[in-house]
C-alpha cells in the first residue's frame, strides 16, 4: 500500500514538474517572439531612416553604409546570443547616425526625421521591456531546470536551458539618445 502511495506521489510530482517546465518553456518562446516583433519593427524602420537622411546632400556615405550593414547583420542573426551582438552593433550605428544628423539643422528639424526619431525611441523602449521580460522568464526556466528534483524531470524529457538576450555593452541598456527639439 505504501509503495502504491509513493508511486502516485512520484508520478504526481513528475506530472507537476513537467507541466511547470513546459509552461516556462512556452513563456520563453512567447517572450522571444515578442522581442522578435520589436526587432523587426526596428529593422523595418532603418531603411526609411536611411532614405530620409540620404536625401540631404553632403551626408556621410560611410555612416549610411555602416547602418545598412549593421541592419543586415541584425536581420540575419539567429538566436538570442547572436541577435544580442548584432543588435548592439545596430544600436551603435543608429546612435552614430542620429549624432551625425545633428550637424544638419534642416534634417534635424524636418518633420519626417523627427517622426522617425520618435518611432525609433519608442521601439527601443519596447525592445528593452521585451528583453527584460524574456530574460526574467529564461532565468526562471533555467533555475527550475537546475533545481533538484526538477532537474531529473528536465533531463528525462529533454528540457534545455535557454540563452539570455543581452547586450555586450552595459551602457547600451538605454535607448539611443534622440533630441526632439526643433532646429535652433
N, C-alpha and C. Protein backbone atom coordinates (compact mmCIF):
# COMPACT_ATOMS: atom_id res chain seq x y z
N UNK A 1 0.82 -1.19 0.00
CA UNK A 1 0.00 0.00 0.00
C UNK A 1 0.86 1.26 0.00
N UNK A 2 1.88 1.31 0.87
CA UNK A 2 2.75 2.48 0.92
C UNK A 2 3.52 2.66 -0.38
N UNK A 3 3.83 1.53 -0.98
CA UNK A 3 4.54 1.59 -2.26
C UNK A 3 3.65 2.21 -3.33
N UNK A 4 2.38 1.87 -3.31
CA UNK A 4 1.42 2.45 -4.27
C UNK A 4 1.24 3.93 -4.05
N UNK A 5 1.15 4.35 -2.80
CA UNK A 5 1.01 5.77 -2.49
C UNK A 5 2.27 6.53 -2.90
N UNK A 6 3.43 5.95 -2.63
CA UNK A 6 4.70 6.58 -3.03
C UNK A 6 4.76 6.71 -4.55
N UNK A 7 4.32 5.71 -5.26
CA UNK A 7 4.31 5.75 -6.72
C UNK A 7 3.39 6.85 -7.24
N UNK A 8 2.23 6.97 -6.62
CA UNK A 8 1.28 8.01 -7.03
C UNK A 8 1.87 9.39 -6.75
N UNK A 9 2.52 9.56 -5.59
CA UNK A 9 3.14 10.84 -5.25
C UNK A 9 4.26 11.17 -6.25
N UNK A 10 5.10 10.22 -6.56
CA UNK A 10 6.19 10.44 -7.52
C UNK A 10 5.64 10.77 -8.90
N UNK A 11 4.63 10.02 -9.33
CA UNK A 11 4.01 10.28 -10.63
C UNK A 11 3.36 11.67 -10.63
N UNK A 12 2.69 12.01 -9.55
CA UNK A 12 2.06 13.34 -9.44
C UNK A 12 3.10 14.45 -9.51
N UNK A 13 4.22 14.26 -8.82
CA UNK A 13 5.27 15.27 -8.87
C UNK A 13 5.86 15.36 -10.28
N UNK A 14 6.07 14.24 -10.92
CA UNK A 14 6.63 14.24 -12.29
C UNK A 14 5.71 14.99 -13.24
N UNK A 15 4.42 14.78 -13.10
CA UNK A 15 3.46 15.49 -13.95
C UNK A 15 3.50 16.98 -13.64
N UNK A 16 3.51 17.33 -12.37
CA UNK A 16 3.59 18.74 -11.96
C UNK A 16 4.88 19.38 -12.49
N UNK A 17 6.00 18.71 -12.32
CA UNK A 17 7.29 19.24 -12.75
C UNK A 17 7.32 19.42 -14.27
N UNK A 18 6.83 18.42 -15.00
CA UNK A 18 6.81 18.50 -16.46
C UNK A 18 5.95 19.68 -16.91
N UNK A 19 4.77 19.80 -16.35
CA UNK A 19 3.87 20.89 -16.73
C UNK A 19 4.46 22.26 -16.38
N UNK A 20 5.13 22.34 -15.25
CA UNK A 20 5.77 23.58 -14.84
C UNK A 20 6.88 23.96 -15.83
N UNK A 21 7.72 23.00 -16.18
CA UNK A 21 8.80 23.25 -17.14
C UNK A 21 8.25 23.57 -18.53
N UNK A 22 7.23 22.85 -18.95
CA UNK A 22 6.63 23.09 -20.26
C UNK A 22 6.01 24.48 -20.32
N UNK A 23 5.37 24.90 -19.24
CA UNK A 23 4.79 26.24 -19.19
C UNK A 23 5.86 27.32 -19.29
N UNK A 24 6.95 27.15 -18.57
CA UNK A 24 8.04 28.12 -18.64
C UNK A 24 8.69 28.13 -20.03
N UNK A 25 8.80 26.96 -20.63
CA UNK A 25 9.37 26.89 -21.99
C UNK A 25 8.48 27.65 -22.98
N UNK A 26 7.18 27.50 -22.84
CA UNK A 26 6.25 28.22 -23.72
C UNK A 26 6.30 29.73 -23.47
N UNK A 27 6.39 30.12 -22.20
CA UNK A 27 6.51 31.55 -21.89
C UNK A 27 7.78 32.13 -22.50
N UNK A 28 8.88 31.38 -22.43
CA UNK A 28 10.15 31.84 -23.01
C UNK A 28 10.02 31.97 -24.53
N UNK A 29 9.39 31.00 -25.17
CA UNK A 29 9.21 31.07 -26.62
C UNK A 29 8.33 32.27 -26.99
N UNK A 30 7.29 32.50 -26.23
CA UNK A 30 6.41 33.63 -26.48
C UNK A 30 7.14 34.96 -26.25
N UNK A 31 7.94 35.01 -25.19
CA UNK A 31 8.69 36.23 -24.90
C UNK A 31 9.71 36.51 -26.00
N UNK A 32 10.35 35.46 -26.53
CA UNK A 32 11.29 35.67 -27.62
C UNK A 32 10.55 36.17 -28.87
N UNK A 33 9.37 35.65 -29.11
CA UNK A 33 8.57 36.11 -30.25
C UNK A 33 8.25 37.59 -30.10
N UNK A 34 7.97 38.04 -28.88
CA UNK A 34 7.72 39.47 -28.64
C UNK A 34 8.95 40.30 -28.96
N UNK A 35 10.13 39.83 -28.56
CA UNK A 35 11.37 40.54 -28.89
C UNK A 35 11.55 40.57 -30.40
N UNK A 36 11.31 39.45 -31.03
CA UNK A 36 11.48 39.35 -32.48
C UNK A 36 10.59 40.36 -33.21
N UNK A 37 9.37 40.54 -32.75
CA UNK A 37 8.46 41.51 -33.35
C UNK A 37 9.05 42.92 -33.24
N UNK A 38 9.55 43.27 -32.07
CA UNK A 38 10.10 44.61 -31.88
C UNK A 38 11.38 44.80 -32.70
N UNK A 39 12.19 43.77 -32.79
CA UNK A 39 13.41 43.88 -33.60
C UNK A 39 13.07 44.04 -35.07
N UNK A 40 12.04 43.35 -35.54
CA UNK A 40 11.61 43.50 -36.93
C UNK A 40 11.10 44.92 -37.18
N UNK A 41 10.40 45.49 -36.21
CA UNK A 41 9.95 46.87 -36.35
C UNK A 41 11.15 47.80 -36.48
N UNK A 42 12.17 47.55 -35.67
CA UNK A 42 13.38 48.37 -35.75
C UNK A 42 14.05 48.18 -37.11
N UNK A 43 14.17 46.94 -37.53
CA UNK A 43 14.81 46.65 -38.82
C UNK A 43 14.05 47.31 -39.97
N UNK A 44 12.74 47.31 -39.89
CA UNK A 44 11.92 47.92 -40.94
C UNK A 44 12.04 49.45 -40.95
N UNK A 45 12.32 50.03 -39.81
CA UNK A 45 12.45 51.48 -39.71
C UNK A 45 13.77 51.98 -40.30
N UNK A 46 14.81 51.16 -40.24
CA UNK A 46 16.14 51.60 -40.66
C UNK A 46 16.18 52.04 -42.13
N UNK A 47 15.64 51.28 -43.09
CA UNK A 47 15.71 51.76 -44.48
C UNK A 47 15.02 53.12 -44.69
N UNK A 48 13.92 53.35 -43.99
CA UNK A 48 13.23 54.63 -44.10
C UNK A 48 14.09 55.75 -43.53
N UNK A 49 14.68 55.49 -42.38
CA UNK A 49 15.56 56.47 -41.75
C UNK A 49 16.75 56.79 -42.66
N UNK A 50 17.35 55.76 -43.23
CA UNK A 50 18.48 55.95 -44.14
C UNK A 50 18.05 56.74 -45.38
N UNK A 51 16.87 56.43 -45.92
CA UNK A 51 16.39 57.14 -47.11
C UNK A 51 16.16 58.63 -46.82
N UNK A 52 15.60 58.93 -45.66
CA UNK A 52 15.36 60.34 -45.30
C UNK A 52 16.68 61.07 -45.15
N UNK A 53 17.64 60.43 -44.49
CA UNK A 53 18.93 61.07 -44.26
C UNK A 53 19.71 61.19 -45.58
N UNK A 54 19.62 60.17 -46.42
CA UNK A 54 20.35 60.15 -47.69
C UNK A 54 19.95 61.31 -48.59
N UNK A 55 18.73 61.78 -48.45
CA UNK A 55 18.24 62.87 -49.28
C UNK A 55 18.92 64.19 -49.02
N UNK A 56 19.70 64.29 -47.97
CA UNK A 56 20.37 65.55 -47.65
C UNK A 56 21.80 65.52 -48.18
N UNK A 57 22.08 66.44 -49.09
CA UNK A 57 23.38 66.48 -49.75
C UNK A 57 24.50 66.60 -48.74
N UNK A 58 25.57 65.91 -49.00
CA UNK A 58 26.76 66.01 -48.17
C UNK A 58 26.77 65.09 -46.97
N UNK A 59 25.69 64.35 -46.74
CA UNK A 59 25.68 63.48 -45.59
C UNK A 59 26.69 62.35 -45.79
N UNK A 60 27.37 61.96 -44.75
CA UNK A 60 28.45 60.98 -44.82
C UNK A 60 27.94 59.64 -45.34
N UNK A 61 28.42 59.26 -46.50
CA UNK A 61 28.02 58.00 -47.14
C UNK A 61 28.45 56.80 -46.29
N UNK A 62 29.63 56.88 -45.70
CA UNK A 62 30.14 55.77 -44.87
C UNK A 62 29.23 55.47 -43.69
N UNK A 63 28.67 56.51 -43.09
CA UNK A 63 27.76 56.32 -41.96
C UNK A 63 26.51 55.56 -42.40
N UNK A 64 25.97 55.95 -43.53
CA UNK A 64 24.77 55.27 -44.05
C UNK A 64 25.07 53.81 -44.38
N UNK A 65 26.21 53.58 -45.01
CA UNK A 65 26.57 52.20 -45.36
C UNK A 65 26.76 51.35 -44.10
N UNK A 66 27.36 51.92 -43.08
CA UNK A 66 27.56 51.19 -41.82
C UNK A 66 26.23 50.82 -41.17
N UNK A 67 25.28 51.73 -41.23
CA UNK A 67 23.95 51.46 -40.67
C UNK A 67 23.28 50.32 -41.44
N UNK A 68 23.35 50.38 -42.75
CA UNK A 68 22.72 49.34 -43.58
C UNK A 68 23.38 47.98 -43.33
N UNK A 69 24.71 47.96 -43.25
CA UNK A 69 25.41 46.70 -42.98
C UNK A 69 25.04 46.14 -41.61
N UNK A 70 24.97 47.00 -40.61
CA UNK A 70 24.60 46.55 -39.26
C UNK A 70 23.17 46.02 -39.24
N UNK A 71 22.28 46.68 -39.97
CA UNK A 71 20.90 46.21 -40.06
C UNK A 71 20.85 44.83 -40.71
N UNK A 72 21.59 44.65 -41.79
CA UNK A 72 21.58 43.35 -42.47
C UNK A 72 22.12 42.23 -41.58
N UNK A 73 23.15 42.53 -40.79
CA UNK A 73 23.68 41.52 -39.85
C UNK A 73 22.64 41.22 -38.77
N UNK A 74 21.93 42.24 -38.31
CA UNK A 74 20.91 42.04 -37.27
C UNK A 74 19.75 41.20 -37.81
N UNK A 75 19.35 41.46 -39.04
CA UNK A 75 18.26 40.69 -39.64
C UNK A 75 18.65 39.22 -39.77
N UNK A 76 19.91 38.96 -40.10
CA UNK A 76 20.38 37.59 -40.32
C UNK A 76 20.73 36.84 -39.03
N UNK A 77 20.78 37.53 -37.91
CA UNK A 77 21.17 36.91 -36.64
C UNK A 77 20.17 35.84 -36.23
N UNK A 78 20.72 34.76 -35.67
CA UNK A 78 19.88 33.65 -35.21
C UNK A 78 20.16 33.41 -33.73
N UNK A 79 19.11 33.35 -32.95
CA UNK A 79 19.25 33.04 -31.53
C UNK A 79 19.58 34.27 -30.71
N UNK A 80 19.30 34.21 -29.43
CA UNK A 80 19.49 35.36 -28.54
C UNK A 80 20.92 35.88 -28.47
N UNK A 81 21.92 35.00 -28.39
CA UNK A 81 23.30 35.46 -28.24
C UNK A 81 23.76 36.20 -29.49
N UNK A 82 23.54 35.62 -30.65
CA UNK A 82 23.95 36.24 -31.90
C UNK A 82 23.13 37.51 -32.16
N UNK A 83 21.84 37.46 -31.86
CA UNK A 83 20.99 38.64 -32.04
C UNK A 83 21.42 39.76 -31.11
N UNK A 84 21.80 39.43 -29.89
CA UNK A 84 22.25 40.45 -28.94
C UNK A 84 23.46 41.21 -29.45
N UNK A 85 24.44 40.48 -29.98
CA UNK A 85 25.64 41.13 -30.51
C UNK A 85 25.30 41.97 -31.74
N UNK A 86 24.48 41.43 -32.63
CA UNK A 86 24.12 42.17 -33.85
C UNK A 86 23.28 43.40 -33.52
N UNK A 87 22.35 43.27 -32.59
CA UNK A 87 21.52 44.42 -32.21
C UNK A 87 22.34 45.48 -31.50
N UNK A 88 23.33 45.06 -30.74
CA UNK A 88 24.24 46.02 -30.09
C UNK A 88 24.95 46.86 -31.16
N UNK A 89 25.45 46.20 -32.20
CA UNK A 89 26.13 46.91 -33.28
C UNK A 89 25.17 47.85 -34.02
N UNK A 90 23.95 47.37 -34.27
CA UNK A 90 22.96 48.21 -34.96
C UNK A 90 22.60 49.43 -34.12
N UNK A 91 22.39 49.25 -32.84
CA UNK A 91 22.06 50.38 -31.96
C UNK A 91 23.19 51.40 -31.96
N UNK A 92 24.42 50.93 -31.95
CA UNK A 92 25.56 51.84 -32.00
C UNK A 92 25.59 52.63 -33.30
N UNK A 93 25.32 51.97 -34.40
CA UNK A 93 25.30 52.65 -35.69
C UNK A 93 24.15 53.65 -35.77
N UNK A 94 23.01 53.29 -35.20
CA UNK A 94 21.87 54.22 -35.20
C UNK A 94 22.18 55.45 -34.35
N UNK A 95 22.85 55.23 -33.21
CA UNK A 95 23.26 56.37 -32.37
C UNK A 95 24.20 57.30 -33.15
N UNK A 96 25.13 56.68 -33.88
CA UNK A 96 26.07 57.46 -34.67
C UNK A 96 25.33 58.24 -35.77
N UNK A 97 24.38 57.60 -36.41
CA UNK A 97 23.60 58.26 -37.46
C UNK A 97 22.86 59.47 -36.91
N UNK A 98 22.22 59.30 -35.77
CA UNK A 98 21.48 60.41 -35.15
C UNK A 98 22.44 61.51 -34.73
N UNK A 99 23.61 61.14 -34.21
CA UNK A 99 24.59 62.14 -33.78
C UNK A 99 25.11 62.93 -34.97
N UNK A 100 25.39 62.26 -36.08
CA UNK A 100 25.87 62.95 -37.27
C UNK A 100 24.77 63.85 -37.84
N UNK A 101 23.53 63.40 -37.73
CA UNK A 101 22.40 64.20 -38.25
C UNK A 101 22.26 65.52 -37.51
N UNK A 102 22.77 65.58 -36.30
CA UNK A 102 22.71 66.82 -35.53
C UNK A 102 23.44 67.96 -36.25
N UNK A 103 24.40 67.64 -37.10
CA UNK A 103 25.16 68.66 -37.82
C UNK A 103 24.38 69.24 -38.99
N UNK A 104 23.21 68.70 -39.28
CA UNK A 104 22.40 69.16 -40.41
C UNK A 104 21.08 69.72 -39.89
N UNK A 105 21.04 71.01 -39.58
CA UNK A 105 19.85 71.60 -38.96
C UNK A 105 18.57 71.38 -39.76
N UNK A 106 18.65 71.46 -41.10
CA UNK A 106 17.44 71.28 -41.90
C UNK A 106 16.94 69.84 -41.80
N UNK A 107 17.84 68.89 -41.67
CA UNK A 107 17.45 67.48 -41.50
C UNK A 107 16.88 67.28 -40.10
N UNK A 108 17.60 67.79 -39.12
CA UNK A 108 17.20 67.64 -37.72
C UNK A 108 15.82 68.23 -37.46
N UNK A 109 15.49 69.31 -38.16
CA UNK A 109 14.20 69.98 -37.96
C UNK A 109 13.09 69.41 -38.82
N UNK A 110 13.43 68.56 -39.77
CA UNK A 110 12.42 68.01 -40.67
C UNK A 110 11.42 67.13 -39.95
N UNK A 111 10.16 67.28 -40.31
CA UNK A 111 9.10 66.52 -39.63
C UNK A 111 9.26 65.02 -39.81
N UNK A 112 9.65 64.58 -41.00
CA UNK A 112 9.78 63.13 -41.22
C UNK A 112 10.93 62.57 -40.38
N UNK A 113 12.03 63.32 -40.27
CA UNK A 113 13.15 62.85 -39.44
C UNK A 113 12.76 62.81 -37.97
N UNK A 114 12.05 63.84 -37.52
CA UNK A 114 11.60 63.86 -36.12
C UNK A 114 10.64 62.71 -35.82
N UNK A 115 9.75 62.43 -36.76
CA UNK A 115 8.82 61.30 -36.57
C UNK A 115 9.59 59.99 -36.51
N UNK A 116 10.59 59.83 -37.36
CA UNK A 116 11.40 58.61 -37.34
C UNK A 116 12.17 58.49 -36.02
N UNK A 117 12.68 59.59 -35.52
CA UNK A 117 13.37 59.57 -34.23
C UNK A 117 12.41 59.14 -33.11
N UNK A 118 11.20 59.67 -33.13
CA UNK A 118 10.22 59.28 -32.10
C UNK A 118 9.90 57.79 -32.20
N UNK A 119 9.71 57.31 -33.43
CA UNK A 119 9.43 55.88 -33.63
C UNK A 119 10.60 55.03 -33.14
N UNK A 120 11.80 55.46 -33.45
CA UNK A 120 12.98 54.71 -33.03
C UNK A 120 13.07 54.64 -31.51
N UNK A 121 12.83 55.77 -30.85
CA UNK A 121 12.86 55.79 -29.39
C UNK A 121 11.79 54.88 -28.81
N UNK A 122 10.59 54.92 -29.37
CA UNK A 122 9.50 54.05 -28.91
C UNK A 122 9.86 52.58 -29.08
N UNK A 123 10.41 52.24 -30.23
CA UNK A 123 10.79 50.85 -30.49
C UNK A 123 11.89 50.42 -29.53
N UNK A 124 12.87 51.28 -29.30
CA UNK A 124 13.96 50.94 -28.37
C UNK A 124 13.40 50.66 -26.97
N UNK A 125 12.46 51.48 -26.54
CA UNK A 125 11.84 51.25 -25.23
C UNK A 125 11.12 49.91 -25.19
N UNK A 126 10.40 49.59 -26.25
CA UNK A 126 9.68 48.33 -26.30
C UNK A 126 10.62 47.13 -26.37
N UNK A 127 11.74 47.27 -27.07
CA UNK A 127 12.74 46.21 -27.10
C UNK A 127 13.28 45.97 -25.69
N UNK A 128 13.55 47.05 -24.97
CA UNK A 128 14.07 46.92 -23.61
C UNK A 128 13.05 46.22 -22.69
N UNK A 129 11.78 46.59 -22.81
CA UNK A 129 10.76 45.93 -21.99
C UNK A 129 10.66 44.45 -22.34
N UNK A 130 10.65 44.15 -23.62
CA UNK A 130 10.55 42.75 -24.05
C UNK A 130 11.78 41.97 -23.61
N UNK A 131 12.96 42.60 -23.68
CA UNK A 131 14.20 41.95 -23.25
C UNK A 131 14.16 41.62 -21.76
N UNK A 132 13.71 42.57 -20.96
CA UNK A 132 13.63 42.33 -19.51
C UNK A 132 12.68 41.18 -19.20
N UNK A 133 11.53 41.16 -19.85
CA UNK A 133 10.56 40.08 -19.62
C UNK A 133 11.13 38.74 -20.06
N UNK A 134 11.69 38.70 -21.26
CA UNK A 134 12.27 37.45 -21.77
C UNK A 134 13.35 36.93 -20.83
N UNK A 135 14.26 37.80 -20.42
CA UNK A 135 15.35 37.37 -19.55
C UNK A 135 14.84 36.90 -18.20
N UNK A 136 13.77 37.50 -17.69
CA UNK A 136 13.19 37.05 -16.42
C UNK A 136 12.59 35.64 -16.58
N UNK A 137 11.90 35.41 -17.68
CA UNK A 137 11.32 34.08 -17.93
C UNK A 137 12.43 33.05 -18.11
N UNK A 138 13.47 33.40 -18.86
CA UNK A 138 14.59 32.49 -19.07
C UNK A 138 15.29 32.19 -17.75
N UNK A 139 15.45 33.21 -16.91
CA UNK A 139 16.04 32.99 -15.60
C UNK A 139 15.22 31.98 -14.80
N UNK A 140 13.90 32.15 -14.81
CA UNK A 140 13.03 31.22 -14.07
C UNK A 140 13.12 29.81 -14.65
N UNK A 141 13.11 29.70 -15.97
CA UNK A 141 13.20 28.39 -16.62
C UNK A 141 14.54 27.73 -16.30
N UNK A 142 15.63 28.47 -16.48
CA UNK A 142 16.96 27.90 -16.23
C UNK A 142 17.14 27.52 -14.77
N UNK A 143 16.60 28.31 -13.87
CA UNK A 143 16.68 27.99 -12.44
C UNK A 143 15.91 26.70 -12.15
N UNK A 144 14.73 26.60 -12.70
CA UNK A 144 13.90 25.41 -12.47
C UNK A 144 14.59 24.16 -13.02
N UNK A 145 15.19 24.28 -14.19
CA UNK A 145 15.88 23.15 -14.80
C UNK A 145 17.06 22.70 -13.94
N UNK A 146 17.70 23.64 -13.27
CA UNK A 146 18.87 23.32 -12.45
C UNK A 146 18.51 22.80 -11.06
N UNK A 147 17.30 23.04 -10.59
CA UNK A 147 16.92 22.67 -9.22
C UNK A 147 16.54 21.19 -9.12
N UNK A 148 16.96 20.60 -8.00
CA UNK A 148 16.55 19.24 -7.70
C UNK A 148 15.17 19.31 -7.07
N UNK A 149 14.29 18.47 -7.39
CA UNK A 149 14.28 17.31 -8.28
C UNK A 149 13.78 17.62 -9.69
N UNK A 150 13.52 18.92 -9.98
CA UNK A 150 13.07 19.28 -11.31
C UNK A 150 14.10 18.89 -12.37
N UNK A 151 15.39 18.94 -11.99
CA UNK A 151 16.43 18.61 -12.96
C UNK A 151 16.31 17.17 -13.44
N UNK A 152 15.78 16.29 -12.61
CA UNK A 152 15.58 14.90 -13.03
C UNK A 152 14.53 14.81 -14.14
N UNK A 153 13.44 15.50 -13.93
CA UNK A 153 12.37 15.52 -14.94
C UNK A 153 12.85 16.25 -16.20
N UNK A 154 13.58 17.36 -16.00
CA UNK A 154 14.09 18.13 -17.15
C UNK A 154 15.02 17.26 -17.99
N UNK A 155 15.90 16.54 -17.36
CA UNK A 155 16.82 15.67 -18.09
C UNK A 155 16.10 14.54 -18.79
N UNK A 156 15.11 13.98 -18.13
CA UNK A 156 14.36 12.86 -18.68
C UNK A 156 13.57 13.27 -19.94
N UNK A 157 13.05 14.49 -19.94
CA UNK A 157 12.22 14.94 -21.07
C UNK A 157 12.92 15.92 -22.00
N UNK A 158 14.22 16.13 -21.82
CA UNK A 158 15.00 16.93 -22.76
C UNK A 158 14.83 18.43 -22.66
N UNK A 159 14.45 18.93 -21.51
CA UNK A 159 14.38 20.37 -21.34
C UNK A 159 15.80 20.92 -21.25
N UNK A 160 16.08 21.97 -21.99
CA UNK A 160 17.42 22.58 -22.02
C UNK A 160 17.33 24.04 -21.61
N UNK A 161 18.42 24.52 -21.02
CA UNK A 161 18.48 25.93 -20.67
C UNK A 161 18.47 26.77 -21.93
N UNK A 162 17.90 27.95 -21.82
CA UNK A 162 17.85 28.90 -22.95
C UNK A 162 18.89 29.99 -22.74
N UNK A 163 19.27 30.63 -23.82
CA UNK A 163 20.21 31.74 -23.76
C UNK A 163 19.49 33.01 -23.35
N UNK A 164 20.19 33.83 -22.59
CA UNK A 164 19.68 35.16 -22.28
C UNK A 164 19.89 36.06 -23.48
N UNK A 165 19.05 37.08 -23.61
CA UNK A 165 19.21 38.06 -24.66
C UNK A 165 19.78 39.31 -24.02
N UNK A 166 21.08 39.49 -24.20
CA UNK A 166 21.74 40.62 -23.57
C UNK A 166 22.57 41.38 -24.57
N UNK A 167 23.10 42.46 -24.09
CA UNK A 167 23.99 43.27 -24.91
C UNK A 167 25.37 43.21 -24.28
N UNK A 168 26.38 43.28 -25.11
CA UNK A 168 27.74 43.18 -24.62
C UNK A 168 28.20 44.45 -23.92
N UNK A 169 27.54 45.57 -24.15
CA UNK A 169 27.91 46.84 -23.55
C UNK A 169 26.85 47.24 -22.53
N UNK A 170 27.20 47.25 -21.23
CA UNK A 170 26.19 47.60 -20.22
C UNK A 170 25.60 48.99 -20.42
N UNK A 171 26.33 49.90 -21.03
CA UNK A 171 25.81 51.23 -21.28
C UNK A 171 24.74 51.25 -22.35
N UNK A 172 24.58 50.18 -23.08
CA UNK A 172 23.62 50.09 -24.17
C UNK A 172 22.21 49.82 -23.67
N UNK A 173 22.03 49.71 -22.38
CA UNK A 173 20.71 49.42 -21.86
C UNK A 173 19.76 50.60 -22.02
N UNK A 174 20.26 51.73 -22.45
CA UNK A 174 19.42 52.89 -22.68
C UNK A 174 19.18 53.05 -24.18
N UNK A 175 18.07 53.64 -24.52
CA UNK A 175 17.77 53.89 -25.94
C UNK A 175 18.78 54.89 -26.49
N UNK A 176 19.01 54.86 -27.79
CA UNK A 176 19.93 55.83 -28.37
C UNK A 176 19.46 57.25 -28.05
N UNK A 177 20.39 58.14 -27.77
CA UNK A 177 19.99 59.50 -27.43
C UNK A 177 19.37 60.18 -28.65
N UNK A 178 18.21 60.75 -28.43
CA UNK A 178 17.48 61.39 -29.52
C UNK A 178 16.94 62.71 -28.98
N UNK A 179 17.18 63.78 -29.74
CA UNK A 179 16.63 65.08 -29.38
C UNK A 179 15.38 65.35 -30.20
N UNK A 180 14.34 65.86 -29.56
CA UNK A 180 13.09 66.14 -30.26
C UNK A 180 12.88 67.62 -30.53
N UNK A 181 13.77 68.44 -30.05
CA UNK A 181 13.60 69.88 -30.26
C UNK A 181 13.79 70.26 -31.71
N UNK A 182 13.12 71.30 -32.13
CA UNK A 182 13.27 71.80 -33.50
C UNK A 182 14.64 72.40 -33.65
N UNK A 183 15.05 72.67 -34.87
CA UNK A 183 16.39 73.26 -35.12
C UNK A 183 16.47 74.65 -34.54
N UNK A 184 17.39 74.86 -33.64
CA UNK A 184 17.54 76.19 -33.04
C UNK A 184 18.98 76.49 -32.86
